[in-house]
Amino acid sequence: MNQSETRLIEEGWAALVERLGLANASRFVMLLDRRTGGARQHLQSLWGVNPLPARRPQPPVTNQSDA
C-alpha cells in the first residue's frame, strides 16, 4: 500500500468516526469485511493491543429491603 492509499484510509476512518462514532464506525467496517478479516487487523493496529479501556467491576447490587 502506498502513502496516498494509507492517507485515504486514515482520512476515511476519521470521517466515519466523526459521523458515526467509534462503535458504529467499527461495526460498519466489520460488516464490509466479513470474509477476509483485514479490517479487524487494521482496526487493531489503529487501536493498539487493547482497543477499549478495561471496565472496572461493579459492586453487587443488594436489595435494601433484605438489610
PDB file of N, CA and C in Angstrom:
ATOM      1  N   MET A   1       0.845  -1.160   0.000  1.00  0.00           N
ATOM      2  CA  MET A   1       0.000   0.000   0.000  1.00  0.00           C
ATOM      3  C   MET A   1       0.899   1.234   0.000  1.00  0.00           C
ATOM      4  N   ASN A   2       0.586   2.167  -0.871  1.00  0.00           N
ATOM      5  CA  ASN A   2       1.429   3.360  -0.942  1.00  0.00           C
ATOM      6  C   ASN A   2       0.939   4.432   0.043  1.00  0.00           C
ATOM      7  N   GLN A   3       1.682   5.513   0.120  1.00  0.00           N
ATOM      8  CA  GLN A   3       1.410   6.566   1.094  1.00  0.00           C
ATOM      9  C   GLN A   3       0.047   7.230   0.878  1.00  0.00           C
ATOM     10  N   SER A   4      -0.334   7.464  -0.368  1.00  0.00           N
ATOM     11  CA  SER A   4      -1.628   8.117  -0.616  1.00  0.00           C
ATOM     12  C   SER A   4      -2.791   7.190  -0.255  1.00  0.00           C
ATOM     13  N   GLU A   5      -2.634   5.891  -0.464  1.00  0.00           N
ATOM     14  CA  GLU A   5      -3.677   4.943  -0.068  1.00  0.00           C
ATOM     15  C   GLU A   5      -3.812   4.874   1.449  1.00  0.00           C
ATOM     16  N   THR A   6      -2.670   4.877   2.125  1.00  0.00           N
ATOM     17  CA  THR A   6      -2.686   4.863   3.583  1.00  0.00           C
ATOM     18  C   THR A   6      -3.369   6.109   4.118  1.00  0.00           C
ATOM     19  N   ARG A   7      -3.038   7.254   3.553  1.00  0.00           N
ATOM     20  CA  ARG A   7      -3.653   8.512   3.984  1.00  0.00           C
ATOM     21  C   ARG A   7      -5.162   8.501   3.735  1.00  0.00           C
ATOM     22  N   LEU A   8      -5.586   7.969   2.589  1.00  0.00           N
ATOM     23  CA  LEU A   8      -7.009   7.889   2.283  1.00  0.00           C
ATOM     24  C   LEU A   8      -7.745   7.014   3.303  1.00  0.00           C
ATOM     25  N   ILE A   9      -7.155   5.895   3.659  1.00  0.00           N
ATOM     26  CA  ILE A   9      -7.766   5.023   4.675  1.00  0.00           C
ATOM     27  C   ILE A   9      -7.881   5.750   6.006  1.00  0.00           C
ATOM     28  N   GLU A  10      -6.820   6.434   6.406  1.00  0.00           N
ATOM     29  CA  GLU A  10      -6.840   7.151   7.679  1.00  0.00           C
ATOM     30  C   GLU A  10      -7.869   8.278   7.671  1.00  0.00           C
ATOM     31  N   GLU A  11      -7.975   9.018   6.568  1.00  0.00           N
ATOM     32  CA  GLU A  11      -8.961  10.097   6.460  1.00  0.00           C
ATOM     33  C   GLU A  11     -10.382   9.531   6.429  1.00  0.00           C
ATOM     34  N   GLY A  12     -10.565   8.435   5.724  1.00  0.00           N
ATOM     35  CA  GLY A  12     -11.876   7.794   5.679  1.00  0.00           C
ATOM     36  C   GLY A  12     -12.307   7.301   7.044  1.00  0.00           C
ATOM     37  N   TRP A  13     -11.378   6.697   7.765  1.00  0.00           N
ATOM     38  CA  TRP A  13     -11.676   6.219   9.110  1.00  0.00           C
ATOM     39  C   TRP A  13     -12.052   7.390  10.015  1.00  0.00           C
ATOM     40  N   ALA A  14     -11.289   8.473   9.932  1.00  0.00           N
ATOM     41  CA  ALA A  14     -11.586   9.648  10.760  1.00  0.00           C
ATOM     42  C   ALA A  14     -12.977  10.198  10.434  1.00  0.00           C
ATOM     43  N   ALA A  15     -13.340  10.214   9.162  1.00  0.00           N
ATOM     44  CA  ALA A  15     -14.664  10.706   8.763  1.00  0.00           C
ATOM     45  C   ALA A  15     -15.765   9.791   9.293  1.00  0.00           C
ATOM     46  N   LEU A  16     -15.554   8.488   9.211  1.00  0.00           N
ATOM     47  CA  LEU A  16     -16.538   7.545   9.745  1.00  0.00           C
ATOM     48  C   LEU A  16     -16.727   7.735  11.248  1.00  0.00           C
ATOM     49  N   VAL A  17     -15.636   7.849  11.964  1.00  0.00           N
ATOM     50  CA  VAL A  17     -15.714   8.010  13.413  1.00  0.00           C
ATOM     51  C   VAL A  17     -16.409   9.326  13.760  1.00  0.00           C
ATOM     52  N   GLU A  18     -16.092  10.375  13.034  1.00  0.00           N
ATOM     53  CA  GLU A  18     -16.722  11.674  13.294  1.00  0.00           C
ATOM     54  C   GLU A  18     -18.228  11.608  13.060  1.00  0.00           C
ATOM     55  N   ARG A  19     -18.636  10.947  12.003  1.00  0.00           N
ATOM     56  CA  ARG A  19     -20.052  10.890  11.629  1.00  0.00           C
ATOM     57  C   ARG A  19     -20.832   9.849  12.436  1.00  0.00           C
ATOM     58  N   LEU A  20     -20.238   8.668  12.640  1.00  0.00           N
ATOM     59  CA  LEU A  20     -20.965   7.559  13.252  1.00  0.00           C
ATOM     60  C   LEU A  20     -20.600   7.288  14.707  1.00  0.00           C
ATOM     61  N   GLY A  21     -19.476   7.797  15.145  1.00  0.00           N
ATOM     62  CA  GLY A  21     -18.952   7.431  16.459  1.00  0.00           C
ATOM     63  C   GLY A  21     -18.080   6.194  16.312  1.00  0.00           C
ATOM     64  N   LEU A  22     -17.228   5.965  17.275  1.00  0.00           N
ATOM     65  CA  LEU A  22     -16.257   4.873  17.200  1.00  0.00           C
ATOM     66  C   LEU A  22     -16.921   3.506  17.078  1.00  0.00           C
ATOM     67  N   ALA A  23     -17.916   3.248  17.900  1.00  0.00           N
ATOM     68  CA  ALA A  23     -18.547   1.921  17.898  1.00  0.00           C
ATOM     69  C   ALA A  23     -19.234   1.620  16.565  1.00  0.00           C
ATOM     70  N   ASN A  24     -20.033   2.551  16.063  1.00  0.00           N
ATOM     71  CA  ASN A  24     -20.745   2.296  14.809  1.00  0.00           C
ATOM     72  C   ASN A  24     -19.815   2.318  13.600  1.00  0.00           C
ATOM     73  N   ALA A  25     -18.779   3.131  13.632  1.00  0.00           N
ATOM     74  CA  ALA A  25     -17.796   3.107  12.549  1.00  0.00           C
ATOM     75  C   ALA A  25     -17.108   1.743  12.504  1.00  0.00           C
ATOM     76  N   SER A  26     -16.776   1.212  13.659  1.00  0.00           N
ATOM     77  CA  SER A  26     -16.151  -0.112  13.732  1.00  0.00           C
ATOM     78  C   SER A  26     -17.100  -1.185  13.223  1.00  0.00           C
ATOM     79  N   ARG A  27     -18.353  -1.122  13.631  1.00  0.00           N
ATOM     80  CA  ARG A  27     -19.349  -2.094  13.162  1.00  0.00           C
ATOM     81  C   ARG A  27     -19.498  -2.015  11.645  1.00  0.00           C
ATOM     82  N   PHE A  28     -19.534  -0.809  11.094  1.00  0.00           N
ATOM     83  CA  PHE A  28     -19.677  -0.620   9.657  1.00  0.00           C
ATOM     84  C   PHE A  28     -18.519  -1.278   8.905  1.00  0.00           C
ATOM     85  N   VAL A  29     -17.306  -1.018   9.345  1.00  0.00           N
ATOM     86  CA  VAL A  29     -16.133  -1.591   8.680  1.00  0.00           C
ATOM     87  C   VAL A  29     -16.140  -3.109   8.797  1.00  0.00           C
ATOM     88  N   MET A  30     -16.521  -3.622   9.948  1.00  0.00           N
ATOM     89  CA  MET A  30     -16.560  -5.072  10.126  1.00  0.00           C
ATOM     90  C   MET A  30     -17.611  -5.707   9.221  1.00  0.00           C
ATOM     91  N   LEU A  31     -18.736  -5.040   9.022  1.00  0.00           N
ATOM     92  CA  LEU A  31     -19.766  -5.563   8.120  1.00  0.00           C
ATOM     93  C   LEU A  31     -19.265  -5.630   6.686  1.00  0.00           C
ATOM     94  N   LEU A  32     -18.457  -4.666   6.289  1.00  0.00           N
ATOM     95  CA  LEU A  32     -17.914  -4.663   4.931  1.00  0.00           C
ATOM     96  C   LEU A  32     -16.868  -5.743   4.730  1.00  0.00           C
ATOM     97  N   ASP A  33     -16.237  -6.165   5.804  1.00  0.00           N
ATOM     98  CA  ASP A  33     -15.078  -7.048   5.701  1.00  0.00           C
ATOM     99  C   ASP A  33     -15.281  -8.380   6.418  1.00  0.00           C
ATOM    100  N   ARG A  34     -16.409  -8.982   6.265  1.00  0.00           N
ATOM    101  CA  ARG A  34     -16.682 -10.249   6.957  1.00  0.00           C
ATOM    102  C   ARG A  34     -15.834 -11.403   6.444  1.00  0.00           C
ATOM    103  N   ARG A  35     -15.407 -11.364   5.222  1.00  0.00           N
ATOM    104  CA  ARG A  35     -14.717 -12.525   4.633  1.00  0.00           C
ATOM    105  C   ARG A  35     -13.231 -12.592   4.947  1.00  0.00           C
ATOM    106  N   THR A  36     -12.522 -11.475   4.849  1.00  0.00           N
ATOM    107  CA  THR A  36     -11.068 -11.548   4.923  1.00  0.00           C
ATOM    108  C   THR A  36     -10.490 -11.285   6.303  1.00  0.00           C
ATOM    109  N   GLY A  37     -11.174 -10.494   7.126  1.00  0.00           N
ATOM    110  CA  GLY A  37     -10.638 -10.149   8.441  1.00  0.00           C
ATOM    111  C   GLY A  37      -9.615  -9.035   8.398  1.00  0.00           C
ATOM    112  N   GLY A  38      -9.332  -8.478   7.231  1.00  0.00           N
ATOM    113  CA  GLY A  38      -8.348  -7.405   7.117  1.00  0.00           C
ATOM    114  C   GLY A  38      -8.739  -6.159   7.887  1.00  0.00           C
ATOM    115  N   ALA A  39     -10.031  -5.858   7.930  1.00  0.00           N
ATOM    116  CA  ALA A  39     -10.480  -4.675   8.658  1.00  0.00           C
ATOM    117  C   ALA A  39     -10.203  -4.829  10.147  1.00  0.00           C
ATOM    118  N   ARG A  40     -10.443  -6.007  10.654  1.00  0.00           N
ATOM    119  CA  ARG A  40     -10.191  -6.252  12.077  1.00  0.00           C
ATOM    120  C   ARG A  40      -8.720  -6.023  12.404  1.00  0.00           C
ATOM    121  N   GLN A  41      -7.853  -6.531  11.561  1.00  0.00           N
ATOM    122  CA  GLN A  41      -6.419  -6.348  11.781  1.00  0.00           C
ATOM    123  C   GLN A  41      -6.049  -4.871  11.712  1.00  0.00           C
ATOM    124  N   HIS A  42      -6.629  -4.149  10.761  1.00  0.00           N
ATOM    125  CA  HIS A  42      -6.315  -2.723  10.632  1.00  0.00           C
ATOM    126  C   HIS A  42      -6.830  -1.942  11.843  1.00  0.00           C
ATOM    127  N   LEU A  43      -8.040  -2.254  12.300  1.00  0.00           N
ATOM    128  CA  LEU A  43      -8.574  -1.572  13.476  1.00  0.00           C
ATOM    129  C   LEU A  43      -7.716  -1.853  14.698  1.00  0.00           C
ATOM    130  N   GLN A  44      -7.250  -3.082  14.836  1.00  0.00           N
ATOM    131  CA  GLN A  44      -6.366  -3.400  15.952  1.00  0.00           C
ATOM    132  C   GLN A  44      -5.077  -2.599  15.878  1.00  0.00           C
ATOM    133  N   SER A  45      -4.571  -2.391  14.667  1.00  0.00           N
ATOM    134  CA  SER A  45      -3.343  -1.599  14.543  1.00  0.00           C
ATOM    135  C   SER A  45      -3.595  -0.133  14.886  1.00  0.00           C
ATOM    136  N   LEU A  46      -4.798   0.370  14.572  1.00  0.00           N
ATOM    137  CA  LEU A  46      -5.132   1.748  14.934  1.00  0.00           C
ATOM    138  C   LEU A  46      -5.295   1.896  16.443  1.00  0.00           C
ATOM    139  N   TRP A  47      -5.934   0.901  17.067  1.00  0.00           N
ATOM    140  CA  TRP A  47      -6.230   0.971  18.486  1.00  0.00           C
ATOM    141  C   TRP A  47      -5.087   0.506  19.353  1.00  0.00           C
ATOM    142  N   GLY A  48      -4.197  -0.286  18.819  1.00  0.00           N
ATOM    143  CA  GLY A  48      -3.155  -0.886  19.637  1.00  0.00           C
ATOM    144  C   GLY A  48      -3.635  -2.215  20.195  1.00  0.00           C
ATOM    145  N   VAL A  49      -2.921  -2.726  21.158  1.00  0.00           N
ATOM    146  CA  VAL A  49      -3.217  -4.051  21.698  1.00  0.00           C
ATOM    147  C   VAL A  49      -4.554  -4.073  22.426  1.00  0.00           C
ATOM    148  N   ASN A  50      -4.849  -3.056  23.223  1.00  0.00           N
ATOM    149  CA  ASN A  50      -6.087  -3.008  23.997  1.00  0.00           C
ATOM    150  C   ASN A  50      -6.985  -1.913  23.441  1.00  0.00           C
ATOM    151  N   PRO A  51      -7.914  -2.244  22.527  1.00  0.00           N
ATOM    152  CA  PRO A  51      -8.722  -1.218  21.893  1.00  0.00           C
ATOM    153  C   PRO A  51      -9.650  -0.478  22.838  1.00  0.00           C
ATOM    154  N   LEU A  52     -10.126  -1.127  23.874  1.00  0.00           N
ATOM    155  CA  LEU A  52     -11.047  -0.482  24.799  1.00  0.00           C
ATOM    156  C   LEU A  52     -10.466  -0.528  26.195  1.00  0.00           C
ATOM    157  N   PRO A  53     -10.674   0.543  26.967  1.00  0.00           N
ATOM    158  CA  PRO A  53     -10.167   0.504  28.342  1.00  0.00           C
ATOM    159  C   PRO A  53     -10.875  -0.594  29.134  1.00  0.00           C
ATOM    160  N   ALA A  54     -10.161  -1.178  30.053  1.00  0.00           N
ATOM    161  CA  ALA A  54     -10.741  -2.238  30.879  1.00  0.00           C
ATOM    162  C   ALA A  54     -11.842  -1.640  31.757  1.00  0.00           C
ATOM    163  N   ARG A  55     -12.910  -2.379  31.883  1.00  0.00           N
ATOM    164  CA  ARG A  55     -14.013  -1.924  32.721  1.00  0.00           C
ATOM    165  C   ARG A  55     -13.767  -2.364  34.153  1.00  0.00           C
ATOM    166  N   ARG A  56     -14.021  -1.457  35.073  1.00  0.00           N
ATOM    167  CA  ARG A  56     -13.898  -1.813  36.477  1.00  0.00           C
ATOM    168  C   ARG A  56     -15.120  -2.612  36.888  1.00  0.00           C
ATOM    169  N   PRO A  57     -14.922  -3.659  37.669  1.00  0.00           N
ATOM    170  CA  PRO A  57     -16.083  -4.433  38.114  1.00  0.00           C
ATOM    171  C   PRO A  57     -16.993  -3.570  38.974  1.00  0.00           C
ATOM    172  N   GLN A  58     -18.273  -3.746  38.797  1.00  0.00           N
ATOM    173  CA  GLN A  58     -19.263  -3.017  39.582  1.00  0.00           C
ATOM    174  C   GLN A  58     -19.573  -3.812  40.848  1.00  0.00           C
ATOM    175  N   PRO A  59     -19.788  -3.111  41.965  1.00  0.00           N
ATOM    176  CA  PRO A  59     -20.162  -3.848  43.177  1.00  0.00           C
ATOM    177  C   PRO A  59     -21.526  -4.493  42.994  1.00  0.00           C
ATOM    178  N   PRO A  60     -21.742  -5.621  43.653  1.00  0.00           N
ATOM    179  CA  PRO A  60     -23.044  -6.291  43.515  1.00  0.00           C
ATOM    180  C   PRO A  60     -24.161  -5.406  44.064  1.00  0.00           C
ATOM    181  N   VAL A  61     -25.309  -5.482  43.423  1.00  0.00           N
ATOM    182  CA  VAL A  61     -26.471  -4.722  43.868  1.00  0.00           C
ATOM    183  C   VAL A  61     -27.160  -5.522  44.959  1.00  0.00           C
ATOM    184  N   THR A  62     -27.402  -4.875  46.059  1.00  0.00           N
ATOM    185  CA  THR A  62     -28.097  -5.540  47.165  1.00  0.00           C
ATOM    186  C   THR A  62     -29.481  -4.953  47.306  1.00  0.00           C
ATOM    187  N   ASN A  63     -30.386  -5.779  47.703  1.00  0.00           N
ATOM    188  CA  ASN A  63     -31.754  -5.345  47.910  1.00  0.00           C
ATOM    189  C   ASN A  63     -31.833  -4.705  49.292  1.00  0.00           C
ATOM    190  N   GLN A  64     -32.178  -3.438  49.355  1.00  0.00           N
ATOM    191  CA  GLN A  64     -32.205  -2.708  50.623  1.00  0.00           C
ATOM    192  C   GLN A  64     -33.243  -3.270  51.593  1.00  0.00           C
ATOM    193  N   SER A  65     -34.287  -3.903  51.086  1.00  0.00           N
ATOM    194  CA  SER A  65     -35.316  -4.431  51.971  1.00  0.00           C
ATOM    195  C   SER A  65     -34.842  -5.673  52.718  1.00  0.00           C
ATOM    196  N   ASP A  66     -33.763  -6.324  52.224  1.00  0.00           N
ATOM    197  CA  ASP A  66     -33.228  -7.512  52.886  1.00  0.00           C
ATOM    198  C   ASP A  66     -32.328  -7.151  54.060  1.00  0.00           C
ATOM    199  N   ALA A  67     -31.930  -5.891  54.174  1.00  0.00           N
ATOM    200  CA  ALA A  67     -30.977  -5.496  55.211  1.00  0.00           C
ATOM    201  C   ALA A  67     -31.604  -5.376  56.569  1.00  0.00           C
TER     202      ALA A  67
END
